[in-house]
Amino acid sequence: MSRLRNLGPLLGLIAVYLLFCVWVGEAFYSPFNSVTVLTQSVIVTAGALGMTLIIVSGGIDLSVGSQIALATVIIARMLEAGVSPLVAAVAGVLTGAACGLINGALITRLKLVPFIITLGTLLIFRGGATGLANEQKIDAPITWLNSLLAKFPDPPWLLVAPGVWVTAVLAVATALALRHTVLGRHMFAIGSNENTARICGVRVERTKLWIYTLGGLLTGVAGLMQFSRLTVGDPTAARGMELDIIAAVVIGGGSLSGGEGSVLGSVAGAMLMAVIRNGLSMKGVPNYVQEILTGAIIVAAVALDRWRHRASSR
C-alpha cells in the first residue's frame, strides 16, 4: 500500500498525459511538444526539489519566487559588469543559498513559524531585487547561459535542453540525500515530531539551517534557469511561482504537516501541472480556466492528504 501511494503521483501523471494524447491528438505527443513540456517544467521542478526538503521537515518557504527573481538580477548584474558566465551562474545559485540561510536563521533564532518569517522575507528579497535592478529589467550580454533551456540544444545529441539534464541530476542527488543520509533521516524525524527528534539527539536548529540553506541552493538553480529563459534580470520574475512550487510538492504526496514527501512525487507533480497547462493551451482553453483547474487540483491534493492522515490515525 505504501509503495502504491508513493507511485500515485507518477500514475496520475501518466493517466493525465494519456488523456491529453487522446483529447488533443498527435500534436500533443509529438517529440517537439514533449521536449517543450519538459523544458517548461524545469524551473518549477528545480524549485520543488528544495521545497521537498523543507516540507518534509515540517516547514514552508513562501519566499522562493522572490529568491528566483533576486538570482536573475544578480546574474544579470554580474554579466553586465563583465564577469565570466560561470562565476555569474555560481553567484546566482549561491544567492538562493544565502536567502535560505537567512530564512533558516530567522526561523530558528526568533522561534516564529516559517509561514510568517518567509512571508516577510518574500517582500524583503523582492524589494532587494527591485533595488539592485533600479526598478527595471537588466539586459545582460548573450552567453552560453542563455542556451540552458534552448529547445534545440547544441550539440544535438543532448536531445533536450542542458537545463533538463542538470535538473535530472539534481533530482537524483536530492532523492539519494533524502533517503540515504543522516541529514535526510533527520528531516523526516523533525517533520514527523520535532520534540521527539530533539529528545532522540537530533540537533534540530542546526539541521533546519542546513535544510533551508540547501532548499535555497536548489531555488538558486531555479533562478539560473529562469534567467536562461528570460535572458534578462527581472525583479518582477516568478511572481506567484511559490504557489506552483508548493503545489508540485503537495500534488506529489508531500504533507504540509511534515514527515512525508518524495523527490519522485514532487517531480511528477511539477510535470503534471506542466502537462495540464500545455494541453489546455493547445486546446485554446482560456488562462483563467487553467488557473481554476490548477487551484482545484491543489485543494484536492491537500484534502486527500488530510483524509489519509485521519484514516491512518484511526
Protein backbone atom coordinates (compact mmCIF):
# COMPACT_ATOMS: atom_id res chain seq x y z
CA MET A 1 0.00 0.00 0.00
CA SER A 2 2.84 2.38 0.88
CA ARG A 3 4.57 1.74 -2.45
CA LEU A 4 1.31 2.27 -4.34
CA ARG A 5 0.82 5.59 -2.51
CA ASN A 6 4.34 6.69 -3.43
CA LEU A 7 3.72 5.81 -7.06
CA GLY A 8 0.32 7.53 -7.06
CA PRO A 9 1.56 10.89 -8.42
CA LEU A 10 3.50 9.16 -11.20
CA LEU A 11 0.48 7.05 -12.15
CA GLY A 12 -1.65 10.22 -12.10
CA LEU A 13 0.83 11.94 -14.42
CA ILE A 14 0.71 9.03 -16.87
CA ALA A 15 -3.10 8.97 -16.81
CA VAL A 16 -3.38 12.74 -17.46
CA TYR A 17 -0.78 12.56 -20.23
CA LEU A 18 -2.69 9.75 -21.98
CA LEU A 19 -5.92 11.71 -21.58
CA PHE A 20 -4.45 14.73 -23.37
CA CYS A 21 -2.93 12.48 -26.04
CA VAL A 22 -6.46 11.33 -26.90
CA TRP A 23 -8.11 14.75 -26.48
CA VAL A 24 -5.55 16.95 -28.24
CA GLY A 25 -4.18 14.44 -30.71
CA GLU A 26 -0.84 13.88 -32.38
CA ALA A 27 0.34 17.45 -31.90
CA PHE A 28 0.38 16.90 -28.14
CA TYR A 29 2.55 13.78 -28.06
CA SER A 30 4.84 14.88 -30.88
CA PRO A 31 8.57 14.85 -29.99
CA PHE A 32 8.75 18.65 -30.29
CA ASN A 33 5.88 19.23 -27.85
CA SER A 34 7.18 16.60 -25.44
CA VAL A 35 10.53 18.42 -25.32
CA THR A 36 8.65 21.69 -24.85
CA VAL A 37 6.76 20.32 -21.82
CA LEU A 38 10.00 19.03 -20.28
CA THR A 39 11.67 22.39 -20.77
CA GLN A 40 8.70 24.32 -19.39
CA SER A 41 8.70 22.23 -16.20
CA VAL A 42 12.38 22.75 -15.34
CA ILE A 43 12.08 25.91 -13.23
CA VAL A 44 9.22 24.64 -11.06
CA THR A 45 10.88 21.22 -10.77
CA ALA A 46 14.18 22.68 -9.55
CA GLY A 47 12.35 24.82 -7.00
CA ALA A 48 10.23 21.84 -5.94
CA LEU A 49 13.35 19.82 -5.13
CA GLY A 50 14.33 22.35 -2.48
CA MET A 51 10.76 22.75 -1.28
CA THR A 52 10.52 18.97 -0.81
CA LEU A 53 13.31 19.09 1.77
CA ILE A 54 11.60 21.95 3.58
CA ILE A 55 8.09 20.47 3.58
CA VAL A 56 9.34 17.02 4.64
CA SER A 57 10.84 18.71 7.71
CA GLY A 58 7.53 20.37 8.54
CA GLY A 59 8.42 23.82 7.19
CA ILE A 60 7.34 26.05 4.35
CA ASP A 61 9.02 28.77 2.27
CA LEU A 62 6.83 31.42 0.68
CA SER A 63 9.83 33.46 -0.48
CA VAL A 64 11.08 31.15 -3.25
CA GLY A 65 9.58 33.25 -6.05
CA SER A 66 11.39 36.32 -4.75
CA GLN A 67 14.61 34.33 -4.40
CA ILE A 68 14.35 33.32 -8.06
CA ALA A 69 13.86 36.94 -9.12
CA LEU A 70 16.81 38.08 -6.99
CA ALA A 71 19.03 35.38 -8.52
CA THR A 72 18.20 36.58 -12.06
CA VAL A 73 19.10 40.14 -11.10
CA ILE A 74 22.42 39.10 -9.52
CA ILE A 75 23.36 37.05 -12.59
CA ALA A 76 22.47 39.88 -14.98
CA ARG A 77 24.33 42.48 -12.93
CA MET A 78 27.49 40.36 -12.88
CA LEU A 79 27.36 39.63 -16.61
CA GLU A 80 26.81 43.34 -17.24
CA ALA A 81 29.97 44.04 -15.22
CA GLY A 82 31.99 41.67 -17.41
CA VAL A 83 32.21 38.74 -15.01
CA SER A 84 32.54 35.30 -16.60
CA PRO A 85 29.24 33.42 -17.14
CA LEU A 86 30.32 30.55 -14.88
CA VAL A 87 31.08 32.88 -11.96
CA ALA A 88 27.80 34.73 -12.55
CA ALA A 89 25.89 31.42 -12.56
CA VAL A 90 27.53 30.29 -9.32
CA ALA A 91 26.76 33.67 -7.75
CA GLY A 92 23.10 33.33 -8.71
CA VAL A 93 22.85 29.85 -7.20
CA LEU A 94 24.66 30.96 -4.03
CA THR A 95 22.25 33.90 -3.78
CA GLY A 96 19.47 31.35 -3.29
CA ALA A 97 21.55 29.53 -0.67
CA ALA A 98 22.15 32.81 1.19
CA CYS A 99 18.42 33.59 1.16
CA GLY A 100 17.70 30.12 2.50
CA LEU A 101 20.30 30.57 5.24
CA ILE A 102 18.67 33.86 6.24
CA ASN A 103 15.27 32.17 6.42
CA GLY A 104 16.65 29.31 8.48
CA ALA A 105 18.47 31.65 10.86
CA LEU A 106 15.37 33.80 11.43
CA ILE A 107 13.15 30.76 11.97
CA THR A 108 15.49 29.13 14.48
CA ARG A 109 16.52 32.31 16.32
CA LEU A 110 13.19 34.10 16.51
CA LYS A 111 11.22 30.89 17.15
CA LEU A 112 8.46 32.01 14.81
CA VAL A 113 6.56 29.79 12.40
CA PRO A 114 8.12 29.54 8.92
CA PHE A 115 4.93 30.85 7.30
CA ILE A 116 5.32 34.26 8.98
CA ILE A 117 9.10 34.51 8.53
CA THR A 118 9.07 33.61 4.84
CA LEU A 119 6.06 35.83 4.18
CA GLY A 120 8.23 38.69 5.42
CA THR A 121 11.34 37.66 3.52
CA LEU A 122 9.21 37.29 0.38
CA LEU A 123 8.85 41.08 0.45
CA ILE A 124 12.43 41.70 1.60
CA PHE A 125 14.04 39.65 -1.18
CA ARG A 126 11.67 41.06 -3.80
CA GLY A 127 12.46 44.59 -2.63
CA GLY A 128 16.18 43.82 -2.72
CA ALA A 129 15.88 42.56 -6.29
CA THR A 130 13.94 45.67 -7.31
CA GLY A 131 16.50 47.97 -5.72
CA LEU A 132 19.50 46.21 -7.29
CA ALA A 133 17.80 46.44 -10.68
CA ASN A 134 16.88 50.10 -10.22
CA GLU A 135 13.23 49.12 -10.67
CA GLN A 136 13.74 47.90 -14.23
CA LYS A 137 14.86 44.86 -16.19
CA ILE A 138 18.59 44.39 -16.71
CA ASP A 139 19.71 43.46 -20.21
CA ALA A 140 22.70 41.14 -20.00
CA PRO A 141 25.19 40.13 -22.71
CA ILE A 142 24.39 36.92 -24.59
CA THR A 143 26.38 33.97 -23.21
CA TRP A 144 26.08 30.20 -23.02
CA LEU A 145 23.79 30.67 -20.02
CA ASN A 146 21.05 31.68 -22.45
CA SER A 147 21.13 28.21 -24.02
CA LEU A 148 20.44 26.25 -20.83
CA LEU A 149 16.76 26.00 -21.72
CA ALA A 150 17.11 26.04 -25.51
CA LYS A 151 14.52 23.85 -27.24
CA PHE A 152 17.13 22.90 -29.84
CA PRO A 153 20.23 22.03 -27.79
CA ASP A 154 23.74 22.34 -29.11
CA PRO A 155 25.18 19.72 -29.52
CA PRO A 156 22.06 17.96 -30.87
CA TRP A 157 22.93 14.62 -29.23
CA LEU A 158 21.80 16.09 -25.91
CA LEU A 159 18.22 15.65 -27.25
CA VAL A 160 16.80 18.04 -24.65
CA ALA A 161 17.95 21.33 -23.15
CA PRO A 162 21.04 21.18 -20.89
CA GLY A 163 18.89 22.56 -18.07
CA VAL A 164 16.72 19.44 -18.21
CA TRP A 165 19.78 17.24 -17.67
CA VAL A 166 21.07 19.45 -14.87
CA THR A 167 17.69 19.27 -13.11
CA ALA A 168 17.53 15.49 -13.59
CA VAL A 169 20.96 15.04 -11.99
CA LEU A 170 19.95 17.29 -9.09
CA ALA A 171 16.73 15.30 -8.64
CA VAL A 172 18.67 12.02 -8.35
CA ALA A 173 21.16 13.59 -5.93
CA THR A 174 18.36 15.08 -3.80
CA ALA A 175 16.49 11.76 -3.70
CA LEU A 176 19.62 9.90 -2.58
CA ALA A 177 20.36 12.53 0.07
CA LEU A 178 16.80 12.43 1.37
CA ARG A 179 16.61 8.66 1.64
CA HIS A 180 20.16 7.52 2.35
CA THR A 181 21.89 10.13 4.50
CA VAL A 182 21.73 11.04 8.17
CA LEU A 183 20.56 14.54 7.26
CA GLY A 184 17.70 13.08 5.22
CA ARG A 185 16.58 10.86 8.09
CA HIS A 186 16.73 13.83 10.43
CA MET A 187 14.49 15.80 8.05
CA PHE A 188 11.81 13.14 8.26
CA ALA A 189 12.25 12.87 12.03
CA ILE A 190 11.82 16.63 12.56
CA GLY A 191 8.80 16.73 10.26
CA SER A 192 7.15 13.78 11.99
CA ASN A 193 7.65 15.06 15.55
CA GLU A 194 10.13 17.80 16.31
CA ASN A 195 10.11 17.28 20.10
CA THR A 196 10.71 13.54 19.75
CA ALA A 197 13.53 14.19 17.28
CA ARG A 198 15.14 16.57 19.78
CA ILE A 199 14.87 14.00 22.58
CA CYS A 200 16.49 11.41 20.30
CA GLY A 201 19.53 13.64 19.90
CA VAL A 202 18.78 15.44 16.64
CA ARG A 203 20.23 18.95 16.67
CA VAL A 204 17.03 20.49 15.36
CA GLU A 205 18.13 24.10 14.96
CA ARG A 206 21.35 23.28 13.12
CA THR A 207 19.51 20.77 10.91
CA LYS A 208 16.91 23.39 9.99
CA LEU A 209 19.68 25.77 8.97
CA TRP A 210 21.02 23.11 6.61
CA ILE A 211 17.54 22.33 5.30
CA TYR A 212 16.68 25.92 4.40
CA THR A 213 20.16 26.58 3.01
CA LEU A 214 20.01 23.52 0.74
CA GLY A 215 16.46 24.42 -0.22
CA GLY A 216 17.66 27.91 -1.13
CA LEU A 217 20.57 26.47 -3.12
CA LEU A 218 18.15 24.48 -5.28
CA THR A 219 15.94 27.55 -5.59
CA GLY A 220 19.03 29.39 -6.82
CA VAL A 221 19.32 26.78 -9.58
CA ALA A 222 15.70 27.56 -10.47
CA GLY A 223 16.71 31.24 -10.61
CA LEU A 224 19.54 30.38 -13.01
CA MET A 225 17.07 28.54 -15.25
CA GLN A 226 14.65 31.46 -15.06
CA PHE A 227 17.42 33.80 -16.20
CA SER A 228 18.17 31.46 -19.11
CA ARG A 229 14.53 31.56 -20.16
CA LEU A 230 14.14 35.35 -19.80
CA THR A 231 17.71 36.29 -20.85
CA VAL A 232 17.36 39.35 -18.57
CA GLY A 233 17.49 40.10 -14.87
CA ASP A 234 13.88 40.76 -13.94
CA PRO A 235 12.90 41.81 -10.39
CA THR A 236 9.26 41.02 -11.21
CA ALA A 237 10.03 37.48 -12.40
CA ALA A 238 8.50 34.39 -10.79
CA ARG A 239 5.80 36.38 -9.01
CA GLY A 240 3.42 33.78 -7.63
CA MET A 241 5.69 30.88 -8.61
CA GLU A 242 5.98 29.90 -4.96
CA LEU A 243 2.41 28.61 -5.24
CA ASP A 244 3.31 26.42 -8.23
CA ILE A 245 6.36 25.05 -6.42
CA ILE A 246 4.48 24.28 -3.22
CA ALA A 247 1.63 22.79 -5.25
CA ALA A 248 4.05 20.47 -7.08
CA VAL A 249 5.25 19.05 -3.76
CA VAL A 250 1.73 18.71 -2.33
CA ILE A 251 0.36 17.12 -5.51
CA GLY A 252 3.34 14.77 -5.37
CA GLY A 253 2.34 13.48 -1.95
CA GLY A 254 4.22 15.87 0.32
CA SER A 255 2.35 16.58 3.54
CA LEU A 256 2.07 20.15 4.82
CA SER A 257 2.07 18.58 8.29
CA GLY A 258 5.61 17.33 7.65
CA GLY A 259 7.18 13.88 7.71
CA GLU A 260 6.07 12.85 4.21
CA GLY A 261 7.26 13.57 0.70
CA SER A 262 9.47 12.26 -2.07
CA VAL A 263 11.51 13.66 -4.92
CA LEU A 264 9.79 11.37 -7.43
CA GLY A 265 6.40 12.64 -6.30
CA SER A 266 7.46 16.30 -6.48
CA VAL A 267 8.92 15.88 -9.97
CA ALA A 268 5.71 14.12 -11.05
CA GLY A 269 3.67 16.96 -9.53
CA ALA A 270 5.65 19.61 -11.43
CA MET A 271 5.35 17.62 -14.65
CA LEU A 272 1.62 17.11 -14.09
CA MET A 273 1.00 20.86 -13.91
CA ALA A 274 3.16 21.44 -16.99
CA VAL A 275 1.27 18.78 -18.94
CA ILE A 276 -2.12 20.18 -17.94
CA ARG A 277 -1.19 23.76 -18.86
CA ASN A 278 0.38 22.73 -22.13
CA GLY A 279 -2.56 20.55 -23.13
CA LEU A 280 -5.16 23.15 -22.21
CA SER A 281 -3.23 25.85 -24.08
CA MET A 282 -3.10 23.68 -27.18
CA LYS A 283 -6.89 23.30 -26.99
CA GLY A 284 -7.29 27.07 -26.66
CA VAL A 285 -8.67 26.96 -23.11
CA PRO A 286 -8.53 30.46 -21.52
CA ASN A 287 -5.89 31.16 -18.87
CA TYR A 288 -8.49 31.80 -16.17
CA VAL A 289 -9.87 28.28 -16.64
CA GLN A 290 -6.35 26.88 -16.33
CA GLU A 291 -5.88 28.78 -13.06
CA ILE A 292 -9.20 27.50 -11.71
CA LEU A 293 -8.30 23.93 -12.62
CA THR A 294 -4.83 24.21 -11.05
CA GLY A 295 -6.37 25.60 -7.86
CA ALA A 296 -8.90 22.77 -7.78
CA ILE A 297 -6.10 20.21 -8.13
CA ILE A 298 -4.22 21.79 -5.20
CA VAL A 299 -7.31 21.75 -2.98
CA ALA A 300 -7.99 18.13 -3.93
CA ALA A 301 -4.39 17.12 -3.17
CA VAL A 302 -4.46 18.79 0.27
CA ALA A 303 -7.89 17.27 1.03
CA LEU A 304 -6.55 13.82 0.08
CA ASP A 305 -3.54 14.36 2.35
CA ARG A 306 -5.81 15.25 5.28
CA TRP A 307 -8.04 12.26 4.58
CA ARG A 308 -5.00 9.94 4.59
CA HIS A 309 -3.86 11.31 7.93
CA ARG A 310 -7.27 10.88 9.52
CA ALA A 311 -7.55 7.36 8.14
CA SER A 312 -4.09 6.37 9.43
CA SER A 313 -4.78 7.79 12.91
CA ARG A 314 -7.83 5.61 13.45
